[in-house]
Amino acid sequence: MSANELNLFDIHTCKSGHEYKNGDCTECGIGFYKDEEGDADCTKCPIHTTTSGRGSRSISSCNSTMCEAGFYSMDNFSCLACPNGTYKSTPGNQACLPCPPGKTTIRTGSTDIGYCSKSLCGPGQEYKNNNCSDRV
């Protein structure tokens, strides 16, 4: 067998908390863990959680709150959907951003300013056919 043929059969065993990438065993990144040895990739933490550092070896390390886009945290323990009229496009616990003046969202948990498309109607008006019009 040639050296190239032998490389096809190489098995790369990385210890827990590490994965095989670019020819080497490297620590799992923040927000990932790997609980056993082998060549498998690290596993992403469950939604709204992250790890405090690299190389995590257990899902129990996913114990820090990290809100996904469209969610925020007031207490750093739980995540809430951005309310109507706001959005948040990046992960983190920071507050949601308000829509531009005169605009709102049609649902909670918006992840982009593009969802701020519905016009806010004034008193005595209703939103109908993508416009505000006087109530009859």
N, C-alpha and C. Protein backbone atom coordinates (compact mmCIF):
# COMPACT_ATOMS: atom_id res chain seq x y z
N MET A 1 0.83 -1.19 0.00
CA MET A 1 0.00 0.00 0.00
C MET A 1 0.87 1.24 0.00
N SER A 2 0.40 2.24 -0.70
CA SER A 2 1.13 3.51 -0.72
C SER A 2 0.77 4.34 0.50
N ALA A 3 1.54 5.38 0.74
CA ALA A 3 1.27 6.27 1.87
C ALA A 3 -0.10 6.93 1.72
N ASN A 4 -0.49 7.28 0.49
CA ASN A 4 -1.80 7.89 0.27
C ASN A 4 -2.93 6.93 0.63
N GLU A 5 -2.77 5.65 0.31
CA GLU A 5 -3.79 4.67 0.65
C GLU A 5 -3.92 4.50 2.16
N LEU A 6 -2.81 4.54 2.86
CA LEU A 6 -2.86 4.43 4.31
C LEU A 6 -3.62 5.59 4.94
N ASN A 7 -3.50 6.79 4.40
CA ASN A 7 -4.20 7.95 4.94
C ASN A 7 -5.70 7.79 4.89
N LEU A 8 -6.21 7.00 3.95
CA LEU A 8 -7.66 6.80 3.87
C LEU A 8 -8.18 6.07 5.09
N PHE A 9 -7.32 5.30 5.74
CA PHE A 9 -7.75 4.49 6.86
C PHE A 9 -7.35 5.08 8.22
N ASP A 10 -6.75 6.26 8.23
CA ASP A 10 -6.38 6.90 9.49
C ASP A 10 -7.64 7.21 10.29
N ILE A 11 -7.61 6.93 11.56
CA ILE A 11 -8.72 7.26 12.45
C ILE A 11 -8.20 8.32 13.41
N HIS A 12 -8.91 9.39 13.50
CA HIS A 12 -8.50 10.50 14.36
C HIS A 12 -9.40 10.50 15.59
N THR A 13 -8.83 10.17 16.71
CA THR A 13 -9.58 10.13 17.95
C THR A 13 -9.20 11.34 18.79
N CYS A 14 -10.16 12.22 18.95
CA CYS A 14 -9.95 13.40 19.79
C CYS A 14 -10.62 13.15 21.14
N LYS A 15 -10.01 13.67 22.19
CA LYS A 15 -10.60 13.49 23.52
C LYS A 15 -11.86 14.34 23.65
N SER A 16 -12.64 14.08 24.68
CA SER A 16 -13.86 14.85 24.90
C SER A 16 -13.51 16.33 25.01
N GLY A 17 -14.42 17.16 24.55
CA GLY A 17 -14.17 18.61 24.54
C GLY A 17 -13.37 19.07 23.33
N HIS A 18 -13.04 18.14 22.42
CA HIS A 18 -12.25 18.45 21.22
C HIS A 18 -12.87 17.77 20.00
N GLU A 19 -12.65 18.36 18.83
CA GLU A 19 -13.10 17.78 17.57
C GLU A 19 -11.98 17.86 16.53
N TYR A 20 -12.06 17.01 15.51
CA TYR A 20 -11.04 16.97 14.48
C TYR A 20 -11.39 17.96 13.38
N LYS A 21 -10.58 18.99 13.22
CA LYS A 21 -10.78 20.03 12.21
C LYS A 21 -9.44 20.41 11.61
N ASN A 22 -9.39 20.54 10.32
CA ASN A 22 -8.18 21.00 9.62
C ASN A 22 -6.93 20.23 10.01
N GLY A 23 -7.07 18.91 10.15
CA GLY A 23 -5.90 18.08 10.41
C GLY A 23 -5.43 18.02 11.84
N ASP A 24 -6.24 18.50 12.79
CA ASP A 24 -5.80 18.51 14.18
C ASP A 24 -7.01 18.44 15.11
N CYS A 25 -6.80 18.00 16.32
CA CYS A 25 -7.84 18.03 17.35
C CYS A 25 -7.83 19.42 17.98
N THR A 26 -8.96 20.09 17.92
CA THR A 26 -9.08 21.43 18.49
C THR A 26 -10.23 21.48 19.49
N GLU A 27 -10.13 22.38 20.44
CA GLU A 27 -11.17 22.53 21.45
C GLU A 27 -12.50 22.90 20.82
N CYS A 28 -13.57 22.40 21.41
CA CYS A 28 -14.91 22.84 20.99
C CYS A 28 -15.01 24.34 21.25
N GLY A 29 -15.65 25.04 20.34
CA GLY A 29 -15.82 26.48 20.50
C GLY A 29 -16.84 26.82 21.57
N ILE A 30 -16.91 28.08 21.92
CA ILE A 30 -17.91 28.55 22.88
C ILE A 30 -19.29 28.27 22.30
N GLY A 31 -20.16 27.69 23.14
CA GLY A 31 -21.50 27.34 22.70
C GLY A 31 -21.61 25.91 22.18
N PHE A 32 -20.51 25.13 22.29
CA PHE A 32 -20.49 23.75 21.84
C PHE A 32 -19.85 22.87 22.91
N TYR A 33 -20.14 21.57 22.85
CA TYR A 33 -19.54 20.61 23.78
C TYR A 33 -19.39 19.26 23.07
N LYS A 34 -18.56 18.38 23.62
CA LYS A 34 -18.44 17.00 23.14
C LYS A 34 -18.12 16.14 24.34
N ASP A 35 -19.01 15.18 24.62
CA ASP A 35 -18.90 14.42 25.87
C ASP A 35 -18.21 13.07 25.76
N GLU A 36 -17.67 12.74 24.58
CA GLU A 36 -16.94 11.46 24.48
C GLU A 36 -15.81 11.58 23.48
N GLU A 37 -14.89 10.62 23.57
CA GLU A 37 -13.77 10.58 22.62
C GLU A 37 -14.27 10.14 21.26
N GLY A 38 -13.52 10.51 20.22
CA GLY A 38 -13.86 10.07 18.87
C GLY A 38 -13.63 11.16 17.86
N ASP A 39 -14.09 10.89 16.64
CA ASP A 39 -13.87 11.85 15.56
C ASP A 39 -15.12 12.67 15.25
N ALA A 40 -16.15 12.56 16.07
CA ALA A 40 -17.39 13.31 15.85
C ALA A 40 -17.16 14.81 16.10
N ASP A 41 -18.02 15.62 15.48
CA ASP A 41 -17.99 17.07 15.70
C ASP A 41 -18.57 17.39 17.07
N CYS A 42 -18.24 18.58 17.56
CA CYS A 42 -18.82 19.07 18.80
C CYS A 42 -20.30 19.36 18.56
N THR A 43 -21.09 19.29 19.61
CA THR A 43 -22.53 19.50 19.55
C THR A 43 -22.87 20.90 20.03
N LYS A 44 -23.78 21.57 19.31
CA LYS A 44 -24.22 22.91 19.70
C LYS A 44 -25.09 22.83 20.95
N CYS A 45 -24.91 23.76 21.86
CA CYS A 45 -25.74 23.81 23.06
C CYS A 45 -27.21 24.03 22.69
N PRO A 46 -28.12 23.62 23.57
CA PRO A 46 -29.55 23.85 23.32
C PRO A 46 -29.84 25.35 23.17
N ILE A 47 -30.95 25.65 22.53
CA ILE A 47 -31.34 27.03 22.26
C ILE A 47 -31.33 27.86 23.56
N HIS A 48 -30.88 29.08 23.44
CA HIS A 48 -30.79 30.07 24.51
C HIS A 48 -29.76 29.73 25.58
N THR A 49 -28.82 28.81 25.28
CA THR A 49 -27.75 28.52 26.23
C THR A 49 -26.41 28.54 25.52
N THR A 50 -25.36 28.72 26.29
CA THR A 50 -23.99 28.69 25.77
C THR A 50 -23.07 28.21 26.88
N THR A 51 -21.83 27.98 26.53
CA THR A 51 -20.81 27.62 27.52
C THR A 51 -20.04 28.88 27.90
N SER A 52 -19.36 28.83 29.02
CA SER A 52 -18.59 30.00 29.44
C SER A 52 -17.19 30.01 28.85
N GLY A 53 -16.78 28.89 28.24
CA GLY A 53 -15.45 28.83 27.65
C GLY A 53 -15.36 27.76 26.58
N ARG A 54 -14.16 27.54 26.08
CA ARG A 54 -13.90 26.55 25.04
C ARG A 54 -13.61 25.19 25.68
N GLY A 55 -13.74 24.12 24.89
CA GLY A 55 -13.36 22.79 25.34
C GLY A 55 -14.34 22.13 26.28
N SER A 56 -15.60 22.50 26.23
CA SER A 56 -16.59 21.93 27.16
C SER A 56 -16.84 20.46 26.85
N ARG A 57 -16.98 19.68 27.93
CA ARG A 57 -17.08 18.22 27.81
C ARG A 57 -18.46 17.67 28.14
N SER A 58 -19.42 18.53 28.44
CA SER A 58 -20.73 18.03 28.85
C SER A 58 -21.81 19.05 28.54
N ILE A 59 -23.02 18.55 28.26
CA ILE A 59 -24.15 19.44 28.03
C ILE A 59 -24.42 20.29 29.28
N SER A 60 -24.03 19.80 30.44
CA SER A 60 -24.23 20.58 31.67
C SER A 60 -23.38 21.86 31.66
N SER A 61 -22.37 21.92 30.78
CA SER A 61 -21.58 23.15 30.64
C SER A 61 -22.35 24.24 29.91
N CYS A 62 -23.45 23.88 29.27
CA CYS A 62 -24.29 24.84 28.55
C CYS A 62 -25.23 25.50 29.55
N ASN A 63 -24.67 26.21 30.51
CA ASN A 63 -25.46 26.74 31.62
C ASN A 63 -25.50 28.26 31.67
N SER A 64 -25.00 28.92 30.64
CA SER A 64 -25.07 30.38 30.58
C SER A 64 -26.16 30.78 29.59
N THR A 65 -26.94 31.77 29.93
CA THR A 65 -28.02 32.22 29.05
C THR A 65 -27.45 33.00 27.88
N MET A 66 -27.87 32.63 26.68
CA MET A 66 -27.48 33.34 25.46
C MET A 66 -28.71 33.36 24.56
N CYS A 67 -29.39 34.47 24.55
CA CYS A 67 -30.61 34.57 23.76
C CYS A 67 -30.30 34.60 22.27
N GLU A 68 -31.10 33.90 21.50
CA GLU A 68 -30.99 33.91 20.05
C GLU A 68 -31.49 35.24 19.51
N ALA A 69 -31.24 35.50 18.23
CA ALA A 69 -31.80 36.68 17.58
C ALA A 69 -33.32 36.64 17.75
N GLY A 70 -33.93 37.81 17.98
CA GLY A 70 -35.38 37.88 18.19
C GLY A 70 -35.80 37.71 19.64
N PHE A 71 -34.81 37.49 20.54
CA PHE A 71 -35.08 37.30 21.96
C PHE A 71 -34.13 38.16 22.79
N TYR A 72 -34.53 38.51 24.00
CA TYR A 72 -33.71 39.31 24.91
C TYR A 72 -33.86 38.76 26.32
N SER A 73 -33.01 39.21 27.23
CA SER A 73 -33.09 38.78 28.62
C SER A 73 -33.06 40.00 29.54
N MET A 74 -33.98 40.02 30.49
CA MET A 74 -33.98 41.09 31.48
C MET A 74 -33.19 40.68 32.73
N ASP A 75 -33.01 39.36 32.94
CA ASP A 75 -32.39 38.88 34.17
C ASP A 75 -31.18 37.97 33.95
N ASN A 76 -30.78 37.77 32.69
CA ASN A 76 -29.68 36.87 32.32
C ASN A 76 -29.93 35.41 32.72
N PHE A 77 -31.19 35.04 32.94
CA PHE A 77 -31.55 33.66 33.25
C PHE A 77 -32.56 33.09 32.26
N SER A 78 -33.40 33.96 31.67
CA SER A 78 -34.42 33.49 30.74
C SER A 78 -34.50 34.45 29.57
N CYS A 79 -34.99 33.93 28.45
CA CYS A 79 -35.11 34.73 27.23
C CYS A 79 -36.57 34.96 26.90
N LEU A 80 -36.88 36.15 26.47
CA LEU A 80 -38.23 36.53 26.09
C LEU A 80 -38.21 36.99 24.64
N ALA A 81 -39.29 36.73 23.91
CA ALA A 81 -39.39 37.19 22.53
C ALA A 81 -39.47 38.72 22.49
N CYS A 82 -38.81 39.33 21.53
CA CYS A 82 -38.93 40.78 21.35
C CYS A 82 -40.40 41.11 21.13
N PRO A 83 -40.94 42.10 21.84
CA PRO A 83 -42.35 42.44 21.68
C PRO A 83 -42.63 43.10 20.33
N ASN A 84 -43.90 43.17 19.97
CA ASN A 84 -44.29 43.88 18.75
C ASN A 84 -43.68 45.28 18.76
N GLY A 85 -43.24 45.73 17.60
CA GLY A 85 -42.65 47.05 17.47
C GLY A 85 -41.15 47.07 17.72
N THR A 86 -40.55 45.89 17.94
CA THR A 86 -39.11 45.79 18.18
C THR A 86 -38.55 44.60 17.43
N TYR A 87 -37.21 44.54 17.33
CA TYR A 87 -36.52 43.43 16.68
C TYR A 87 -35.11 43.33 17.26
N LYS A 88 -34.46 42.19 17.06
CA LYS A 88 -33.05 42.03 17.44
C LYS A 88 -32.44 41.01 16.49
N SER A 89 -31.42 41.43 15.75
CA SER A 89 -30.86 40.60 14.69
C SER A 89 -29.63 39.78 15.11
N THR A 90 -29.13 40.00 16.31
CA THR A 90 -27.93 39.28 16.75
C THR A 90 -28.20 38.50 18.04
N PRO A 91 -27.45 37.41 18.26
CA PRO A 91 -27.59 36.70 19.53
C PRO A 91 -27.01 37.53 20.67
N GLY A 92 -27.49 37.29 21.86
CA GLY A 92 -27.02 38.00 23.05
C GLY A 92 -28.19 38.35 23.93
N ASN A 93 -27.92 38.91 25.08
CA ASN A 93 -28.96 39.21 26.05
C ASN A 93 -29.40 40.66 26.02
N GLN A 94 -28.83 41.45 25.11
CA GLN A 94 -29.16 42.87 25.06
C GLN A 94 -30.61 43.10 24.65
N ALA A 95 -31.08 44.33 24.88
CA ALA A 95 -32.46 44.70 24.60
C ALA A 95 -32.75 44.68 23.09
N CYS A 96 -34.00 44.53 22.77
CA CYS A 96 -34.45 44.61 21.38
C CYS A 96 -34.44 46.07 20.95
N LEU A 97 -34.32 46.30 19.66
CA LEU A 97 -34.29 47.65 19.11
C LEU A 97 -35.68 48.06 18.64
N PRO A 98 -36.04 49.33 18.81
CA PRO A 98 -37.37 49.77 18.35
C PRO A 98 -37.42 49.91 16.83
N CYS A 99 -38.58 49.68 16.28
CA CYS A 99 -38.80 49.92 14.85
C CYS A 99 -38.71 51.43 14.58
N PRO A 100 -38.46 51.81 13.34
CA PRO A 100 -38.47 53.24 12.99
C PRO A 100 -39.81 53.87 13.32
N PRO A 101 -39.84 55.19 13.53
CA PRO A 101 -41.10 55.87 13.84
C PRO A 101 -42.19 55.55 12.80
N GLY A 102 -43.39 55.29 13.31
CA GLY A 102 -44.53 55.01 12.44
C GLY A 102 -44.62 53.59 11.94
N LYS A 103 -43.69 52.70 12.36
CA LYS A 103 -43.69 51.31 11.91
C LYS A 103 -43.77 50.37 13.11
N THR A 104 -44.25 49.17 12.87
CA THR A 104 -44.29 48.14 13.90
C THR A 104 -44.14 46.78 13.23
N THR A 105 -44.07 45.74 14.02
CA THR A 105 -43.99 44.37 13.50
C THR A 105 -45.36 43.72 13.64
N ILE A 106 -45.60 42.68 12.87
CA ILE A 106 -46.89 42.00 12.97
C ILE A 106 -46.84 40.82 13.94
N ARG A 107 -45.64 40.50 14.45
CA ARG A 107 -45.50 39.39 15.40
C ARG A 107 -44.36 39.68 16.37
N THR A 108 -44.32 38.93 17.43
CA THR A 108 -43.23 39.04 18.38
C THR A 108 -42.04 38.22 17.88
N GLY A 109 -40.87 38.46 18.43
CA GLY A 109 -39.68 37.68 18.09
C GLY A 109 -39.06 38.04 16.75
N SER A 110 -39.27 39.26 16.28
CA SER A 110 -38.73 39.67 14.98
C SER A 110 -37.21 39.77 15.04
N THR A 111 -36.57 39.34 13.94
CA THR A 111 -35.11 39.25 13.90
C THR A 111 -34.45 40.24 12.96
N ASP A 112 -35.23 41.12 12.32
CA ASP A 112 -34.63 42.04 11.35
C ASP A 112 -35.50 43.28 11.23
N ILE A 113 -34.87 44.42 10.97
CA ILE A 113 -35.60 45.67 10.79
C ILE A 113 -36.60 45.57 9.63
N GLY A 114 -36.36 44.66 8.71
CA GLY A 114 -37.28 44.46 7.59
C GLY A 114 -38.67 44.02 8.02
N TYR A 115 -38.77 43.45 9.22
CA TYR A 115 -40.09 43.05 9.74
C TYR A 115 -40.87 44.26 10.27
N CYS A 116 -40.23 45.41 10.37
CA CYS A 116 -40.89 46.63 10.82
C CYS A 116 -41.58 47.29 9.62
N SER A 117 -42.57 46.61 9.10
CA SER A 117 -43.18 47.07 7.86
C SER A 117 -44.61 47.54 8.02
N LYS A 118 -45.29 47.11 9.05
CA LYS A 118 -46.67 47.51 9.24
C LYS A 118 -46.73 48.93 9.78
N SER A 119 -47.57 49.75 9.17
CA SER A 119 -47.72 51.14 9.63
C SER A 119 -48.54 51.19 10.90
N LEU A 120 -48.12 52.06 11.81
CA LEU A 120 -48.92 52.33 12.99
C LEU A 120 -49.99 53.35 12.61
N CYS A 121 -51.22 53.05 12.90
CA CYS A 121 -52.31 53.96 12.54
C CYS A 121 -52.63 54.88 13.71
N GLY A 122 -53.06 56.06 13.40
CA GLY A 122 -53.42 57.04 14.42
C GLY A 122 -54.79 56.76 15.00
N PRO A 123 -55.19 57.57 15.98
CA PRO A 123 -56.51 57.40 16.59
C PRO A 123 -57.61 57.53 15.53
N GLY A 124 -58.61 56.66 15.60
CA GLY A 124 -59.72 56.71 14.66
C GLY A 124 -59.41 56.09 13.30
N GLN A 125 -58.23 55.46 13.18
CA GLN A 125 -57.85 54.83 11.92
C GLN A 125 -57.70 53.33 12.11
N GLU A 126 -57.76 52.60 11.01
CA GLU A 126 -57.53 51.17 11.04
C GLU A 126 -56.57 50.78 9.92
N TYR A 127 -55.87 49.68 10.14
CA TYR A 127 -54.91 49.18 9.16
C TYR A 127 -55.64 48.21 8.26
N LYS A 128 -55.72 48.54 6.97
CA LYS A 128 -56.45 47.72 6.03
C LYS A 128 -55.81 47.83 4.66
N ASN A 129 -55.59 46.71 4.00
CA ASN A 129 -54.96 46.71 2.67
C ASN A 129 -53.62 47.43 2.65
N ASN A 130 -52.80 47.17 3.67
CA ASN A 130 -51.45 47.75 3.79
C ASN A 130 -51.44 49.25 3.94
N ASN A 131 -52.51 49.84 4.39
CA ASN A 131 -52.59 51.29 4.60
C ASN A 131 -53.45 51.61 5.83
N CYS A 132 -53.23 52.79 6.38
CA CYS A 132 -54.09 53.29 7.43
C CYS A 132 -55.21 54.10 6.78
N SER A 133 -56.41 53.86 7.23
CA SER A 133 -57.54 54.64 6.69
C SER A 133 -58.50 54.94 7.83
N ASP A 134 -59.29 56.02 7.65
CA ASP A 134 -60.25 56.40 8.68
C ASP A 134 -61.30 55.32 8.85
N ARG A 135 -61.65 55.06 10.11
CA ARG A 135 -62.72 54.09 10.37
C ARG A 135 -64.04 54.70 9.92
N VAL A 136 -64.89 53.87 9.38
CA VAL A 136 -66.20 54.35 8.88
C VAL A 136 -67.23 54.17 9.95
